[in-house]
Each structure stands twice: as C-alpha cells, then as structure tokens.
Amino acid sequence: MKRTLFLLFFLTLALCLNAAKVDTLNVYSNCMKKNTKTCVVTPNNYKKTGKAYPVLYLVHGYSGNYASWINAFPQIKKFADEYNIIIAGVDGGFSSWYFDSPVDSTIKYETYVTKEIIGFMDKTFNTLKSPEGRAICGLSMGGHGALYLAIRHQDLFGAAGSMSGGVDFRAFPQSWDLPKRLGDINTHYTNWEKNTVIGQLNIFKSNELAMIIDCGIGDIFITANRQLHDKMLSMNIKHDYIERPGEHKREYWDNALQYQVLYFDNYFRKDQKK
C-alpha cells in the first residue's frame, strides 16, 4: 500500500512538472496609450527544444478580458502541450469588437492586435514569424474579431476560427456598446456596414486563408453565420462551416473549441511539411 501511494505521488509530481506554463504579461499599448495584459500559455517542452513555435491567438467575447480563456477553458493548457503550440489570450477591451473605432480614437484594437501584440509575442517568445505560424480564434464578439482581423491581415494570419461569431451585427443596432464604437446606425450606416465580417469579403486578395466557422442552430447569431456562409460559397471562398445543436453558451464552446484547435494543428502541420 505504501509503495503504491509512493508511486502515485511521484506520478502526480511528474505530471505537474511536465505541464504547460501560464504567464500573465504586461504590454504597453502605444496606439491607445495604456497598459494592457496578455495571458500566454507555453508548452511544457518550450525551453527544452529551442525551436520556433506556432502561436494561436485567442480573442474573447463581449465583457471579457485577457484571462477569460484560461479561466473559462483551462483545457487550453492541455492543448498547448498536446499540439506543441503557444497560446496567447489577448485583451480586447470590454466591447471593442476588435476594430479601430471611427468615432472613438481611444479604441484601436485592430492596430493593437496586429501590430503591438504580434510584435510583442515575436520579440518575447520563440515564435514562427510568418502567417504559416499564426492562427486566431474567438467566440461571440471574438468570433467577429478573429475573422475580421485575419481577412484584413492575411499577411499576418494564415488561419482563423469563429465560434458563435457576431459576424454581422447590423441586426442589433442598440446592443453591446456598438453605437459607442460606430456611431448611431441611422447616421453612420457606412461605419456599421464596412466593419462587419461579411463586409470584408470583397477585399480578399487571395484564397489562402484557412477558416473554420462554427455556430449552434439555437444561437442568436445563426442567421448572420448562415448568410456569411452562403456569401462565401457564392464567392468561392474556401472555408469549413459547421452547424450543430446548441445555443450561445459555454457548453457549446467547450465542444467547438476542441474541433477548432485540431483544425489549427492540422494547418500548422501541413505548412511545416512544405
């Protein structure tokens, strides 16, 4: 009995020592003149191999912050180890929607993510510094953000994923602080139209961006996701599209996240074999 407990103790200790590391790091945003934080998960062998790692950037939903992903989905530590990737939980503010606001100069989260966060990660960690080594994924507001940023910056991101993404928020003109970010929809309609994901499809320069879009059939954004899917099909834009029973809830995202991370792993592995 004592020998069994002894072995169990050391097995538990070994598992703890060989686990992904989670760090909260301070990042100063020059474009918004404020301090921000980023949660970074590195795989257990990060310091042992000396190789460059792909990075998965996770962008949170409305009212979240940099720690939302690790707090709500602690399994991302396992994903970092299993898929041998770095995962960065990005702070997108309470309600930024991840664009540079045309009416509020203090909200510049497109610039923040694409220039400052990526620059910080590439300087601080041993990362693959190319689109083939970067993916971005988000849920709800972050699902919009992930696709919006990846489509607009295909020179930075090679893959993107949306879970229950608010990919066309024009049907919700009074919700989620959107009037504060874009102005009133009646007087600033162009701001609303050109900052949706569906409004970005016409700027595609190539069809190389790998995209996975996942939404529950009971989700508030299902109609917008179906419309996005249909338009992408009509434009022959490559993507994976998934609908399953589910609502705009954590239970749905728990399941969806597994498929999305596997999708990104397949993308990273494919490009590493070239």
Protein backbone atom coordinates (compact mmCIF):
# COMPACT_ATOMS: atom_id res chain seq x y z
CA MET A 1 0.00 0.00 0.00
CA LYS A 2 2.80 2.41 0.93
CA ARG A 3 4.64 1.56 -2.28
CA THR A 4 1.51 2.29 -4.35
CA LEU A 5 0.99 5.67 -2.67
CA PHE A 6 4.68 6.47 -3.18
CA LEU A 7 4.40 5.74 -6.91
CA LEU A 8 1.20 7.75 -7.20
CA PHE A 9 2.89 10.71 -5.53
CA PHE A 10 5.76 10.73 -7.99
CA LEU A 11 3.48 10.21 -10.98
CA THR A 12 1.44 13.21 -9.88
CA LEU A 13 4.59 15.25 -9.34
CA ALA A 14 5.88 14.30 -12.78
CA LEU A 15 2.63 15.39 -14.39
CA CYS A 16 2.77 18.73 -12.58
CA LEU A 17 6.35 19.33 -13.64
CA ASN A 18 5.53 18.43 -17.26
CA ALA A 19 2.64 20.80 -17.72
CA ALA A 20 2.12 23.91 -19.79
CA LYS A 21 3.24 27.16 -18.18
CA VAL A 22 0.82 30.08 -17.83
CA ASP A 23 2.16 33.63 -17.58
CA THR A 24 0.39 36.97 -17.34
CA LEU A 25 2.49 39.63 -19.03
CA ASN A 26 2.19 43.40 -19.18
CA VAL A 27 2.06 45.01 -22.60
CA TYR A 28 2.04 48.75 -23.12
CA SER A 29 -0.16 49.86 -25.99
CA ASN A 30 1.41 52.86 -27.65
CA CYS A 31 -1.54 53.33 -30.00
CA MET A 32 -4.02 53.55 -27.10
CA LYS A 33 -1.59 54.98 -24.52
CA LYS A 34 -2.39 52.46 -21.79
CA ASN A 35 -1.10 49.34 -20.08
CA THR A 36 -2.69 46.03 -21.03
CA LYS A 37 -2.18 42.39 -20.11
CA THR A 38 -1.80 39.20 -22.10
CA CYS A 39 -2.09 35.62 -20.86
CA VAL A 40 0.46 33.34 -22.53
CA VAL A 41 0.50 29.54 -22.32
CA THR A 42 3.72 27.83 -23.38
CA PRO A 43 4.00 24.04 -23.82
CA ASN A 44 5.96 22.02 -21.27
CA ASN A 45 8.93 21.48 -23.60
CA TYR A 46 9.17 25.12 -24.72
CA LYS A 47 12.58 25.77 -23.12
CA LYS A 48 13.93 22.34 -23.97
CA THR A 49 13.72 22.27 -27.75
CA GLY A 50 14.93 25.72 -28.80
CA LYS A 51 12.71 25.56 -31.87
CA ALA A 52 10.22 28.16 -33.08
CA TYR A 53 6.58 27.55 -32.19
CA PRO A 54 3.33 28.43 -33.94
CA VAL A 55 1.04 30.75 -31.98
CA LEU A 56 -2.72 30.55 -31.53
CA TYR A 57 -4.18 33.93 -30.58
CA LEU A 58 -7.46 33.70 -28.65
CA VAL A 59 -9.77 36.72 -28.63
CA HIS A 60 -12.57 36.86 -26.06
CA GLY A 61 -16.23 37.84 -26.21
CA TYR A 62 -18.08 40.93 -25.05
CA SER A 63 -17.26 42.00 -21.45
CA GLY A 64 -14.30 39.60 -21.25
CA ASN A 65 -10.58 40.22 -20.83
CA TYR A 66 -7.16 38.67 -21.35
CA ALA A 67 -7.83 35.97 -18.72
CA SER A 68 -11.25 34.92 -19.98
CA TRP A 69 -9.99 31.97 -22.00
CA ILE A 70 -7.76 30.41 -19.36
CA ASN A 71 -10.43 30.91 -16.68
CA ALA A 72 -13.34 29.52 -18.68
CA PHE A 73 -11.43 26.89 -20.66
CA PRO A 74 -8.50 25.58 -18.59
CA GLN A 75 -8.13 22.76 -21.12
CA ILE A 76 -6.13 25.14 -23.31
CA LYS A 77 -3.14 24.22 -21.15
CA LYS A 78 -3.57 20.64 -22.31
CA PHE A 79 -3.93 21.82 -25.90
CA ALA A 80 -0.63 23.72 -25.69
CA ASP A 81 1.15 20.54 -24.60
CA GLU A 82 -0.72 18.15 -26.90
CA TYR A 83 -0.30 20.23 -30.05
CA ASN A 84 3.03 21.82 -29.12
CA ILE A 85 1.89 25.40 -29.66
CA ILE A 86 1.99 28.72 -27.82
CA ILE A 87 -1.43 30.12 -26.94
CA ALA A 88 -1.95 33.83 -26.25
CA GLY A 89 -5.08 35.18 -24.58
CA VAL A 90 -5.43 38.71 -25.94
CA ASP A 91 -7.22 41.55 -24.15
CA GLY A 92 -9.79 43.11 -26.46
CA GLY A 93 -11.33 45.52 -24.01
CA PHE A 94 -14.87 45.32 -22.67
CA SER A 95 -16.56 45.99 -26.02
CA SER A 96 -14.02 46.84 -28.71
CA TRP A 97 -15.21 44.38 -31.40
CA TYR A 98 -11.53 44.37 -32.43
CA PHE A 99 -11.63 47.22 -34.92
CA ASP A 100 -10.22 50.74 -34.77
CA SER A 101 -13.28 52.78 -33.88
CA PRO A 102 -14.09 55.50 -36.42
CA VAL A 103 -15.81 57.59 -33.73
CA ASP A 104 -13.66 56.96 -30.62
CA SER A 105 -9.92 57.48 -31.06
CA THR A 106 -9.15 55.67 -27.79
CA ILE A 107 -10.39 52.36 -29.24
CA LYS A 108 -7.78 50.99 -31.64
CA TYR A 109 -7.83 47.26 -31.13
CA GLU A 110 -7.16 46.32 -34.73
CA THR A 111 -3.86 48.19 -34.55
CA TYR A 112 -3.22 46.86 -31.05
CA VAL A 113 -3.60 43.20 -32.00
CA THR A 114 -1.99 43.23 -35.42
CA LYS A 115 0.97 45.47 -34.63
CA GLU A 116 1.58 45.58 -30.89
CA ILE A 117 0.54 42.16 -29.62
CA ILE A 118 2.06 40.22 -32.52
CA GLY A 119 5.19 42.36 -32.26
CA PHE A 120 5.39 41.69 -28.52
CA MET A 121 4.93 37.93 -28.94
CA ASP A 122 7.51 37.68 -31.71
CA LYS A 123 10.02 39.68 -29.67
CA THR A 124 9.41 37.91 -26.35
CA PHE A 125 8.94 34.29 -27.45
CA ASN A 126 10.49 31.95 -29.96
CA THR A 127 7.67 32.08 -32.49
CA LEU A 128 7.21 31.20 -36.14
CA LYS A 129 7.20 34.71 -37.57
CA SER A 130 5.04 34.17 -40.62
CA PRO A 131 1.35 33.67 -41.46
CA GLU A 132 2.01 29.93 -41.58
CA GLY A 133 2.80 30.09 -37.86
CA ARG A 134 -0.15 32.22 -36.71
CA ALA A 135 -3.83 31.44 -36.17
CA ILE A 136 -6.53 33.49 -34.46
CA CYS A 137 -9.73 32.20 -32.89
CA GLY A 138 -12.58 33.77 -30.96
CA LEU A 139 -16.11 33.37 -29.69
CA SER A 140 -19.05 35.78 -29.99
CA MET A 141 -17.50 39.28 -30.24
CA GLY A 142 -14.18 37.50 -30.54
CA GLY A 143 -15.50 35.31 -33.36
CA HIS A 144 -16.17 38.50 -35.27
CA GLY A 145 -12.74 39.79 -34.27
CA ALA A 146 -10.85 36.68 -35.37
CA LEU A 147 -12.34 36.61 -38.87
CA TYR A 148 -12.30 40.40 -39.25
CA LEU A 149 -8.61 40.69 -38.38
CA ALA A 150 -7.50 37.63 -40.33
CA ILE A 151 -9.31 38.65 -43.52
CA ARG A 152 -7.89 42.18 -43.31
CA HIS A 153 -4.37 40.96 -42.42
CA GLN A 154 -3.66 37.85 -44.44
CA ASP A 155 -0.03 38.89 -44.39
CA LEU A 156 -0.06 38.12 -40.64
CA PHE A 157 -2.53 35.27 -40.10
CA GLY A 158 -2.71 32.01 -42.00
CA ALA A 159 -5.76 30.57 -40.25
CA ALA A 160 -8.79 31.87 -38.36
CA GLY A 161 -11.74 30.44 -36.48
CA SER A 162 -15.07 31.75 -35.23
CA MET A 163 -17.37 30.17 -32.67
CA SER A 164 -20.84 31.74 -32.44
CA GLY A 165 -19.35 34.84 -34.01
CA GLY A 166 -21.22 38.13 -34.31
CA VAL A 167 -20.19 38.29 -37.96
CA ASP A 168 -22.90 40.79 -38.94
CA PHE A 169 -24.13 42.89 -36.03
CA ARG A 170 -26.34 45.28 -38.02
CA ALA A 171 -29.45 43.49 -36.75
CA PHE A 172 -28.55 44.62 -33.21
CA PRO A 173 -28.18 48.42 -33.52
CA GLN A 174 -28.55 49.16 -29.80
CA SER A 175 -26.57 46.25 -28.35
CA TRP A 176 -23.12 45.59 -26.88
CA ASP A 177 -21.92 49.22 -26.96
CA LEU A 178 -21.87 49.17 -30.76
CA PRO A 179 -23.28 52.72 -31.11
CA LYS A 180 -20.37 53.93 -28.95
CA ARG A 181 -17.90 52.26 -31.31
CA LEU A 182 -19.54 53.04 -34.66
CA GLY A 183 -21.99 55.86 -34.09
CA ASP A 184 -25.75 55.68 -34.49
CA ILE A 185 -26.64 53.23 -37.26
CA ASN A 186 -29.07 55.65 -38.90
CA THR A 187 -26.50 58.42 -39.32
CA HIS A 188 -23.33 56.32 -39.58
CA TYR A 189 -24.54 53.29 -41.53
CA THR A 190 -21.35 53.07 -43.59
CA ASN A 191 -19.35 52.54 -40.38
CA TRP A 192 -21.57 49.60 -39.49
CA GLU A 193 -21.50 48.04 -42.92
CA LYS A 194 -17.77 48.18 -43.56
CA ASN A 195 -16.77 46.90 -40.10
CA THR A 196 -18.74 43.65 -40.21
CA VAL A 197 -17.07 40.40 -41.23
CA ILE A 198 -19.47 39.96 -44.13
CA GLY A 199 -18.45 43.43 -45.28
CA GLN A 200 -14.80 42.33 -45.55
CA LEU A 201 -15.30 39.58 -48.12
CA ASN A 202 -14.80 41.88 -51.08
CA ILE A 203 -11.25 42.72 -50.01
CA PHE A 204 -9.94 39.15 -50.32
CA LYS A 205 -6.64 39.30 -52.15
CA SER A 206 -6.15 35.54 -52.26
CA ASN A 207 -7.92 32.39 -51.22
CA GLU A 208 -5.18 31.03 -49.00
CA LEU A 209 -6.60 31.91 -45.58
CA ALA A 210 -7.77 28.77 -43.76
CA MET A 211 -11.08 29.46 -41.98
CA ILE A 212 -13.38 27.44 -39.75
CA ILE A 213 -16.79 28.83 -38.77
CA ASP A 214 -18.88 27.09 -36.11
CA CYS A 215 -22.31 28.14 -34.82
CA GLY A 216 -25.15 26.44 -32.94
CA ILE A 217 -28.57 26.31 -34.59
CA GLY A 218 -30.13 27.90 -31.49
CA ASP A 219 -27.59 30.74 -31.37
CA ILE A 220 -28.59 34.40 -31.66
CA PHE A 221 -26.06 34.78 -34.47
CA ILE A 222 -27.06 31.72 -36.52
CA THR A 223 -28.81 33.76 -39.24
CA ALA A 224 -25.76 36.00 -39.71
CA ASN A 225 -23.45 32.98 -39.85
CA ARG A 226 -25.62 31.29 -42.45
CA GLN A 227 -25.66 34.44 -44.55
CA LEU A 228 -21.88 34.71 -44.29
CA HIS A 229 -21.51 31.05 -45.30
CA ASP A 230 -23.80 31.49 -48.29
CA LYS A 231 -21.95 34.58 -49.49
CA MET A 232 -18.60 32.84 -49.11
CA LEU A 233 -19.91 29.93 -51.18
CA SER A 234 -21.16 32.28 -53.89
CA MET A 235 -17.71 33.94 -53.98
CA ASN A 236 -15.91 30.58 -53.91
CA ILE A 237 -14.05 31.50 -50.72
CA LYS A 238 -12.63 28.39 -49.08
CA HIS A 239 -13.78 27.66 -45.53
CA ASP A 240 -15.11 24.95 -43.23
CA TYR A 241 -18.60 25.58 -41.90
CA ILE A 242 -20.25 23.70 -39.03
CA GLU A 243 -23.74 23.85 -37.54
CA ARG A 244 -24.73 21.73 -34.55
CA PRO A 245 -27.47 21.79 -31.94
CA GLY A 246 -26.55 24.40 -29.36
CA GLU A 247 -27.00 27.93 -28.11
CA HIS A 248 -24.82 30.94 -27.30
CA LYS A 249 -23.41 29.24 -24.22
CA ARG A 250 -20.19 27.93 -22.75
CA GLU A 251 -21.30 24.33 -23.15
CA TYR A 252 -21.34 24.79 -26.90
CA TRP A 253 -17.94 26.50 -26.98
CA ASP A 254 -16.38 23.76 -24.81
CA ASN A 255 -17.13 21.31 -27.59
CA ALA A 256 -16.42 23.62 -30.51
CA LEU A 257 -13.01 24.61 -29.17
CA GLN A 258 -11.72 21.05 -29.45
CA TYR A 259 -12.51 20.95 -33.17
CA GLN A 260 -11.07 24.37 -33.83
CA VAL A 261 -7.74 23.66 -32.12
CA LEU A 262 -7.47 20.38 -34.05
CA TYR A 263 -8.16 22.33 -37.25
CA PHE A 264 -5.33 24.74 -36.46
CA ASP A 265 -2.98 21.90 -35.57
CA ASN A 266 -3.64 20.32 -38.96
CA TYR A 267 -2.96 23.67 -40.60
CA PHE A 268 0.32 24.18 -38.75
CA ARG A 269 1.48 20.63 -39.50
CA LYS A 270 0.60 20.94 -43.17
CA ASP A 271 2.70 24.06 -43.58
CA GLN A 272 5.61 22.62 -41.59
CA LYS A 273 5.79 19.75 -44.10
CA LYS A 274 6.17 22.00 -47.12
